[in-house]
Amino acid sequence: MIIETTININIYTFYKLSMASMITRRSKRYIISSLLRRLSYDHDKIALSWVRVKYQMRDVQEHWRCLHLALTPDEYEFFIDLRKVCKQSLSRLINYAVEKYLDGLINRIKECTDNYQYRNYAFSRITIDGVVCLIHYWGIPTTFICRPIKS
């Protein structure tokens, strides 16, 4: 199953993604997915709580492009989670990741052929006293919480 969505990104970010796609011979979706996966390693530096979602800076209409993305379900869920944790729009996160990680990513893609990016991403669902708890793992935990902890 594929989940289709669209984002509006600045034309300069779109250009950089297009160039990276041509250089690496990977789709823009793959580049974006790789960038956001890389961003997730540093999410604690940009994660916020109790604030509204931040969006990209305003710009004239001619400086925006609509980008269609066809995502796998795990990518889609991961993007939603990243948006929630960082309290930023997906397009703003992509712009940030392009500026910060794109050059390093291009070099890594040239050297590595790993196609499965979310091997260390999991989540579990437990219910404690009628409260549904979702636990997201971005990495490999030493133990998974799968039942309430008794104190």
N, C-alpha and C. Protein backbone atom coordinates (compact mmCIF):
# COMPACT_ATOMS: atom_id res chain seq x y z
N MET A 1 0.84 -1.18 0.00
CA MET A 1 0.00 0.00 0.00
C MET A 1 0.89 1.25 0.00
N ILE A 2 0.55 2.20 -0.81
CA ILE A 2 1.26 3.46 -0.91
C ILE A 2 0.34 4.58 -0.42
N ILE A 3 0.89 5.50 0.34
CA ILE A 3 0.14 6.65 0.83
C ILE A 3 0.65 7.88 0.09
N GLU A 4 -0.25 8.54 -0.62
CA GLU A 4 0.14 9.72 -1.39
C GLU A 4 -0.17 10.99 -0.61
N THR A 5 0.76 11.93 -0.68
CA THR A 5 0.59 13.21 -0.01
C THR A 5 1.35 14.27 -0.79
N THR A 6 1.14 15.51 -0.47
CA THR A 6 1.88 16.59 -1.12
C THR A 6 2.43 17.53 -0.06
N ILE A 7 3.52 18.18 -0.40
CA ILE A 7 4.10 19.22 0.46
C ILE A 7 4.45 20.40 -0.42
N ASN A 8 4.45 21.57 0.17
CA ASN A 8 4.90 22.78 -0.52
C ASN A 8 6.27 23.13 0.02
N ILE A 9 7.25 23.20 -0.88
CA ILE A 9 8.60 23.53 -0.45
C ILE A 9 9.14 24.67 -1.29
N ASN A 10 10.10 25.35 -0.71
CA ASN A 10 10.74 26.45 -1.40
C ASN A 10 11.44 25.93 -2.65
N ILE A 11 11.42 26.72 -3.70
CA ILE A 11 11.97 26.29 -4.99
C ILE A 11 13.47 25.99 -4.90
N TYR A 12 14.18 26.67 -4.00
CA TYR A 12 15.61 26.41 -3.85
C TYR A 12 15.86 25.05 -3.20
N THR A 13 15.01 24.70 -2.24
CA THR A 13 15.08 23.38 -1.63
C THR A 13 14.72 22.31 -2.66
N PHE A 14 13.70 22.59 -3.46
CA PHE A 14 13.29 21.66 -4.52
C PHE A 14 14.45 21.44 -5.50
N TYR A 15 15.13 22.51 -5.87
CA TYR A 15 16.26 22.42 -6.79
C TYR A 15 17.37 21.54 -6.19
N LYS A 16 17.68 21.74 -4.92
CA LYS A 16 18.73 20.95 -4.27
C LYS A 16 18.34 19.47 -4.22
N LEU A 17 17.06 19.20 -3.94
CA LEU A 17 16.59 17.81 -3.94
C LEU A 17 16.69 17.20 -5.33
N SER A 18 16.33 17.98 -6.33
CA SER A 18 16.40 17.50 -7.72
C SER A 18 17.83 17.19 -8.12
N MET A 19 18.76 18.06 -7.76
CA MET A 19 20.17 17.83 -8.07
C MET A 19 20.69 16.58 -7.34
N ALA A 20 20.34 16.43 -6.09
CA ALA A 20 20.76 15.25 -5.32
C ALA A 20 20.18 13.98 -5.94
N SER A 21 18.96 14.07 -6.42
CA SER A 21 18.32 12.92 -7.07
C SER A 21 19.07 12.53 -8.35
N MET A 22 19.47 13.52 -9.12
CA MET A 22 20.21 13.24 -10.35
C MET A 22 21.60 12.67 -10.04
N ILE A 23 22.28 13.24 -9.06
CA ILE A 23 23.64 12.80 -8.72
C ILE A 23 23.64 11.37 -8.20
N THR A 24 22.68 11.04 -7.34
CA THR A 24 22.65 9.72 -6.70
C THR A 24 21.83 8.69 -7.46
N ARG A 25 21.07 9.16 -8.45
CA ARG A 25 20.16 8.30 -9.20
C ARG A 25 19.12 7.65 -8.30
N ARG A 26 18.69 8.40 -7.30
CA ARG A 26 17.63 7.99 -6.38
C ARG A 26 16.49 8.98 -6.50
N SER A 27 15.29 8.55 -6.16
CA SER A 27 14.13 9.43 -6.24
C SER A 27 14.19 10.52 -5.17
N LYS A 28 13.46 11.58 -5.41
CA LYS A 28 13.37 12.64 -4.42
C LYS A 28 12.77 12.09 -3.12
N ARG A 29 11.81 11.19 -3.25
CA ARG A 29 11.22 10.56 -2.07
C ARG A 29 12.29 9.84 -1.26
N TYR A 30 13.16 9.11 -1.92
CA TYR A 30 14.23 8.40 -1.23
C TYR A 30 15.17 9.39 -0.54
N ILE A 31 15.52 10.46 -1.23
CA ILE A 31 16.40 11.48 -0.65
C ILE A 31 15.74 12.10 0.58
N ILE A 32 14.47 12.48 0.46
CA ILE A 32 13.74 13.08 1.58
C ILE A 32 13.66 12.11 2.75
N SER A 33 13.32 10.87 2.47
CA SER A 33 13.21 9.87 3.51
C SER A 33 14.55 9.67 4.22
N SER A 34 15.63 9.64 3.47
CA SER A 34 16.96 9.49 4.04
C SER A 34 17.33 10.70 4.89
N LEU A 35 17.00 11.88 4.41
CA LEU A 35 17.30 13.10 5.17
C LEU A 35 16.55 13.14 6.49
N LEU A 36 15.28 12.79 6.45
CA LEU A 36 14.49 12.83 7.68
C LEU A 36 14.92 11.73 8.65
N ARG A 37 15.34 10.60 8.12
CA ARG A 37 15.88 9.56 8.99
C ARG A 37 17.14 10.08 9.68
N ARG A 38 17.99 10.76 8.94
CA ARG A 38 19.21 11.35 9.52
C ARG A 38 18.85 12.41 10.56
N LEU A 39 17.85 13.22 10.26
CA LEU A 39 17.39 14.25 11.18
C LEU A 39 16.90 13.63 12.49
N SER A 40 16.29 12.46 12.41
CA SER A 40 15.74 11.83 13.62
C SER A 40 16.83 11.51 14.63
N TYR A 41 18.06 11.32 14.18
CA TYR A 41 19.15 11.06 15.12
C TYR A 41 19.44 12.29 15.98
N ASP A 42 19.13 13.47 15.46
CA ASP A 42 19.37 14.72 16.17
C ASP A 42 18.09 15.39 16.63
N HIS A 43 16.98 14.65 16.65
CA HIS A 43 15.70 15.27 16.95
C HIS A 43 15.67 15.96 18.31
N ASP A 44 16.47 15.47 19.26
CA ASP A 44 16.45 16.07 20.59
C ASP A 44 16.95 17.51 20.58
N LYS A 45 17.69 17.89 19.55
CA LYS A 45 18.19 19.26 19.45
C LYS A 45 17.12 20.24 18.97
N ILE A 46 16.11 19.71 18.28
CA ILE A 46 15.08 20.60 17.75
C ILE A 46 13.68 20.26 18.26
N ALA A 47 13.56 19.23 19.11
CA ALA A 47 12.25 18.84 19.65
C ALA A 47 11.73 19.89 20.61
N LEU A 48 10.45 20.15 20.53
CA LEU A 48 9.80 21.15 21.38
C LEU A 48 8.53 20.56 21.98
N SER A 49 8.12 21.10 23.10
CA SER A 49 6.86 20.69 23.72
C SER A 49 6.03 21.92 24.04
N TRP A 50 4.73 21.75 24.04
CA TRP A 50 3.79 22.77 24.45
C TRP A 50 3.87 24.06 23.63
N VAL A 51 4.18 23.92 22.36
CA VAL A 51 4.19 25.05 21.44
C VAL A 51 3.43 24.64 20.19
N ARG A 52 3.03 25.64 19.42
CA ARG A 52 2.33 25.32 18.17
C ARG A 52 3.33 24.89 17.11
N VAL A 53 2.85 24.27 16.08
CA VAL A 53 3.69 23.81 14.98
C VAL A 53 4.27 25.01 14.24
N LYS A 54 5.56 24.97 13.94
CA LYS A 54 6.21 26.03 13.19
C LYS A 54 6.25 25.65 11.72
N TYR A 55 6.09 26.65 10.87
CA TYR A 55 6.08 26.44 9.42
C TYR A 55 7.24 27.19 8.79
N GLN A 56 7.44 26.97 7.50
CA GLN A 56 8.51 27.68 6.79
C GLN A 56 8.22 29.17 6.76
N MET A 57 9.28 29.92 6.53
CA MET A 57 9.14 31.37 6.39
C MET A 57 8.30 31.68 5.15
N ARG A 58 7.55 32.74 5.22
CA ARG A 58 6.74 33.15 4.06
C ARG A 58 7.65 33.64 2.94
N ASP A 59 7.17 33.46 1.73
CA ASP A 59 7.91 33.91 0.55
C ASP A 59 6.90 34.15 -0.56
N VAL A 60 7.31 34.79 -1.62
CA VAL A 60 6.40 35.05 -2.73
C VAL A 60 5.97 33.73 -3.36
N GLN A 61 4.79 33.73 -3.94
CA GLN A 61 4.19 32.50 -4.48
C GLN A 61 5.08 31.82 -5.53
N GLU A 62 5.82 32.60 -6.29
CA GLU A 62 6.66 32.04 -7.35
C GLU A 62 7.82 31.21 -6.79
N HIS A 63 8.10 31.33 -5.50
CA HIS A 63 9.22 30.61 -4.89
C HIS A 63 8.81 29.30 -4.24
N TRP A 64 7.61 28.82 -4.55
CA TRP A 64 7.12 27.58 -3.95
C TRP A 64 6.84 26.53 -5.02
N ARG A 65 7.08 25.29 -4.66
CA ARG A 65 6.76 24.16 -5.53
C ARG A 65 5.95 23.15 -4.74
N CYS A 66 4.99 22.56 -5.39
CA CYS A 66 4.23 21.48 -4.79
C CYS A 66 4.92 20.18 -5.17
N LEU A 67 5.27 19.39 -4.19
CA LEU A 67 5.97 18.13 -4.44
C LEU A 67 5.06 16.99 -4.00
N HIS A 68 4.77 16.09 -4.93
CA HIS A 68 3.94 14.92 -4.64
C HIS A 68 4.85 13.81 -4.13
N LEU A 69 4.44 13.19 -3.03
CA LEU A 69 5.20 12.09 -2.46
C LEU A 69 4.32 10.85 -2.38
N ALA A 70 4.84 9.73 -2.80
CA ALA A 70 4.18 8.44 -2.65
C ALA A 70 5.00 7.67 -1.63
N LEU A 71 4.47 7.57 -0.41
CA LEU A 71 5.22 7.03 0.71
C LEU A 71 4.74 5.64 1.09
N THR A 72 5.66 4.84 1.61
CA THR A 72 5.27 3.57 2.19
C THR A 72 4.64 3.86 3.54
N PRO A 73 3.82 2.95 4.07
CA PRO A 73 3.17 3.22 5.36
C PRO A 73 4.16 3.52 6.49
N ASP A 74 5.30 2.82 6.52
CA ASP A 74 6.26 3.09 7.61
C ASP A 74 6.89 4.47 7.46
N GLU A 75 7.15 4.90 6.23
CA GLU A 75 7.67 6.26 6.02
C GLU A 75 6.65 7.29 6.46
N TYR A 76 5.41 7.10 6.06
CA TYR A 76 4.35 8.04 6.39
C TYR A 76 4.20 8.21 7.90
N GLU A 77 4.13 7.09 8.62
CA GLU A 77 4.01 7.14 10.08
C GLU A 77 5.23 7.80 10.70
N PHE A 78 6.41 7.48 10.19
CA PHE A 78 7.63 8.07 10.70
C PHE A 78 7.62 9.59 10.50
N PHE A 79 7.20 10.06 9.33
CA PHE A 79 7.13 11.49 9.05
C PHE A 79 6.16 12.19 10.00
N ILE A 80 5.00 11.56 10.24
CA ILE A 80 4.02 12.13 11.16
C ILE A 80 4.61 12.22 12.56
N ASP A 81 5.28 11.16 13.00
CA ASP A 81 5.88 11.16 14.34
C ASP A 81 6.94 12.24 14.46
N LEU A 82 7.77 12.37 13.44
CA LEU A 82 8.83 13.37 13.48
C LEU A 82 8.23 14.78 13.55
N ARG A 83 7.16 14.99 12.80
CA ARG A 83 6.47 16.28 12.82
C ARG A 83 5.94 16.59 14.22
N LYS A 84 5.36 15.58 14.86
CA LYS A 84 4.81 15.78 16.20
C LYS A 84 5.90 16.05 17.23
N VAL A 85 6.96 15.29 17.18
CA VAL A 85 8.04 15.43 18.16
C VAL A 85 8.74 16.78 18.02
N CYS A 86 8.98 17.19 16.77
CA CYS A 86 9.72 18.44 16.54
C CYS A 86 8.84 19.66 16.48
N LYS A 87 7.52 19.47 16.41
CA LYS A 87 6.56 20.58 16.34
C LYS A 87 6.88 21.51 15.17
N GLN A 88 7.16 20.90 14.02
CA GLN A 88 7.43 21.66 12.81
C GLN A 88 6.73 20.98 11.65
N SER A 89 6.36 21.76 10.65
CA SER A 89 5.74 21.18 9.47
C SER A 89 6.74 20.29 8.76
N LEU A 90 6.22 19.35 8.01
CA LEU A 90 7.09 18.43 7.27
C LEU A 90 7.98 19.19 6.29
N SER A 91 7.42 20.18 5.62
CA SER A 91 8.21 20.95 4.65
C SER A 91 9.33 21.73 5.35
N ARG A 92 9.07 22.23 6.54
CA ARG A 92 10.13 22.94 7.29
C ARG A 92 11.22 21.97 7.73
N LEU A 93 10.83 20.78 8.17
CA LEU A 93 11.81 19.76 8.55
C LEU A 93 12.66 19.34 7.36
N ILE A 94 12.03 19.20 6.20
CA ILE A 94 12.76 18.82 4.99
C ILE A 94 13.75 19.92 4.63
N ASN A 95 13.31 21.17 4.68
CA ASN A 95 14.20 22.28 4.37
C ASN A 95 15.40 22.30 5.31
N TYR A 96 15.14 22.12 6.59
CA TYR A 96 16.21 22.09 7.59
C TYR A 96 17.19 20.94 7.31
N ALA A 97 16.65 19.76 7.02
CA ALA A 97 17.49 18.59 6.76
C ALA A 97 18.30 18.76 5.48
N VAL A 98 17.72 19.37 4.46
CA VAL A 98 18.46 19.62 3.22
C VAL A 98 19.65 20.52 3.50
N GLU A 99 19.42 21.59 4.24
CA GLU A 99 20.51 22.52 4.54
C GLU A 99 21.60 21.88 5.40
N LYS A 100 21.20 21.06 6.34
CA LYS A 100 22.15 20.52 7.31
C LYS A 100 22.83 19.22 6.87
N TYR A 101 22.12 18.34 6.16
CA TYR A 101 22.62 16.98 5.94
C TYR A 101 22.78 16.54 4.49
N LEU A 102 22.32 17.34 3.52
CA LEU A 102 22.28 16.85 2.14
C LEU A 102 23.65 16.47 1.58
N ASP A 103 24.65 17.29 1.80
CA ASP A 103 25.98 16.99 1.24
C ASP A 103 26.51 15.66 1.79
N GLY A 104 26.40 15.46 3.08
CA GLY A 104 26.86 14.21 3.68
C GLY A 104 26.05 13.02 3.20
N LEU A 105 24.75 13.23 3.00
CA LEU A 105 23.90 12.15 2.53
C LEU A 105 24.28 11.72 1.11
N ILE A 106 24.55 12.67 0.26
CA ILE A 106 24.94 12.34 -1.12
C ILE A 106 26.19 11.46 -1.11
N ASN A 107 27.16 11.81 -0.30
CA ASN A 107 28.38 11.00 -0.21
C ASN A 107 28.08 9.61 0.34
N ARG A 108 27.21 9.52 1.35
CA ARG A 108 26.87 8.22 1.93
C ARG A 108 26.13 7.33 0.93
N ILE A 109 25.22 7.91 0.16
CA ILE A 109 24.46 7.13 -0.81
C ILE A 109 25.38 6.57 -1.88
N LYS A 110 26.37 7.35 -2.28
CA LYS A 110 27.32 6.87 -3.29
C LYS A 110 28.10 5.66 -2.80
N GLU A 111 28.32 5.59 -1.47
CA GLU A 111 29.11 4.51 -0.90
C GLU A 111 28.29 3.31 -0.45
N CYS A 112 27.01 3.51 -0.14
CA CYS A 112 26.20 2.46 0.48
C CYS A 112 24.97 2.17 -0.38
N THR A 113 24.54 0.92 -0.37
CA THR A 113 23.36 0.54 -1.16
C THR A 113 22.23 0.02 -0.29
N ASP A 114 22.18 0.38 0.99
CA ASP A 114 21.14 -0.08 1.89
C ASP A 114 19.81 0.56 1.51
N ASN A 115 18.82 -0.27 1.18
CA ASN A 115 17.52 0.24 0.74
C ASN A 115 16.49 0.28 1.86
N TYR A 116 16.75 -0.34 2.99
CA TYR A 116 15.76 -0.37 4.06
C TYR A 116 16.20 0.57 5.17
N GLN A 117 15.54 1.69 5.27
CA GLN A 117 16.00 2.75 6.15
C GLN A 117 15.45 2.70 7.56
N TYR A 118 14.40 1.96 7.80
CA TYR A 118 13.72 2.05 9.09
C TYR A 118 13.88 0.78 9.92
N ARG A 119 15.01 0.14 9.84
CA ARG A 119 15.21 -1.10 10.58
C ARG A 119 15.28 -0.87 12.09
N ASN A 120 15.55 0.33 12.54
CA ASN A 120 15.64 0.62 13.96
C ASN A 120 14.49 1.50 14.43
N TYR A 121 13.36 1.39 13.78
CA TYR A 121 12.19 2.18 14.14
C TYR A 121 11.06 1.22 14.48
N ALA A 122 10.50 1.39 15.65
CA ALA A 122 9.39 0.52 16.06
C ALA A 122 8.50 1.30 17.02
N PHE A 123 7.30 0.80 17.20
CA PHE A 123 6.45 1.38 18.23
C PHE A 123 5.60 0.28 18.83
N SER A 124 5.21 0.49 20.08
CA SER A 124 4.35 -0.47 20.75
C SER A 124 3.18 0.26 21.38
N ARG A 125 2.13 -0.49 21.64
CA ARG A 125 0.91 0.08 22.20
C ARG A 125 0.55 -0.72 23.44
N ILE A 126 0.37 -0.03 24.56
CA ILE A 126 -0.07 -0.68 25.79
C ILE A 126 -1.20 0.14 26.38
N THR A 127 -2.00 -0.50 27.23
CA THR A 127 -3.08 0.18 27.92
C THR A 127 -2.84 0.05 29.41
N ILE A 128 -2.80 1.18 30.10
CA ILE A 128 -2.60 1.21 31.55
C ILE A 128 -3.80 1.90 32.17
N ASP A 129 -4.56 1.15 32.95
CA ASP A 129 -5.77 1.68 33.61
C ASP A 129 -6.68 2.41 32.62
N GLY A 130 -6.88 1.83 31.45
CA GLY A 130 -7.77 2.40 30.44
C GLY A 130 -7.16 3.49 29.59
N VAL A 131 -5.90 3.84 29.86
CA VAL A 131 -5.21 4.88 29.09
C VAL A 131 -4.33 4.20 28.04
N VAL A 132 -4.55 4.53 26.78
CA VAL A 132 -3.75 3.96 25.70
C VAL A 132 -2.43 4.71 25.61
N CYS A 133 -1.33 3.98 25.66
CA CYS A 133 0.00 4.57 25.59
C CYS A 133 0.70 4.07 24.33
N LEU A 134 1.23 4.97 23.55
CA LEU A 134 2.02 4.62 22.38
C LEU A 134 3.47 4.95 22.67
N ILE A 135 4.34 3.98 22.47
CA ILE A 135 5.76 4.17 22.73
C ILE A 135 6.49 4.05 21.41
N HIS A 136 7.24 5.10 21.04
CA HIS A 136 7.97 5.13 19.79
C HIS A 136 9.45 4.93 20.08
N TYR A 137 10.05 4.01 19.36
CA TYR A 137 11.47 3.72 19.52
C TYR A 137 12.20 4.19 18.27
N TRP A 138 13.11 5.13 18.42
CA TRP A 138 13.96 5.58 17.32
C TRP A 138 15.36 5.09 17.64
N GLY A 139 15.58 3.85 17.37
CA GLY A 139 16.83 3.18 17.69
C GLY A 139 16.50 1.84 18.31
N ILE A 140 17.49 1.14 18.77
CA ILE A 140 17.29 -0.18 19.36
C ILE A 140 17.34 -0.05 20.87
N PRO A 141 16.18 -0.22 21.55
CA PRO A 141 16.19 -0.14 23.01
C PRO A 141 16.74 -1.43 23.62
N THR A 142 17.23 -1.34 24.84
CA THR A 142 17.72 -2.55 25.50
C THR A 142 16.56 -3.44 25.92
N THR A 143 15.40 -2.84 26.26
CA THR A 143 14.19 -3.61 26.56
C THR A 143 13.00 -2.87 25.97
N PHE A 144 12.02 -3.65 25.52
CA PHE A 144 10.77 -3.08 25.03
C PHE A 144 9.76 -3.08 26.17
N ILE A 145 9.02 -2.01 26.32
CA ILE A 145 7.96 -1.96 27.32
C ILE A 145 6.72 -2.53 26.66
N CYS A 146 6.27 -3.66 27.13
CA CYS A 146 5.09 -4.27 26.52
C CYS A 146 4.00 -4.54 27.55
N ARG A 147 4.25 -4.25 28.84
CA ARG A 147 3.24 -4.39 29.86
C ARG A 147 3.49 -3.32 30.93
N PRO A 148 2.46 -2.97 31.69
CA PRO A 148 2.66 -1.95 32.72
C PRO A 148 3.75 -2.35 33.72
N ILE A 149 4.52 -1.37 34.12
CA ILE A 149 5.56 -1.61 35.12
C ILE A 149 4.95 -1.40 36.49
N LYS A 150 5.06 -2.39 37.36
CA LYS A 150 4.51 -2.29 38.73
C LYS A 150 5.52 -1.57 39.60
N SER A 151 5.03 -0.61 40.39
CA SER A 151 5.95 0.11 41.29
C SER A 151 5.73 -0.31 42.71
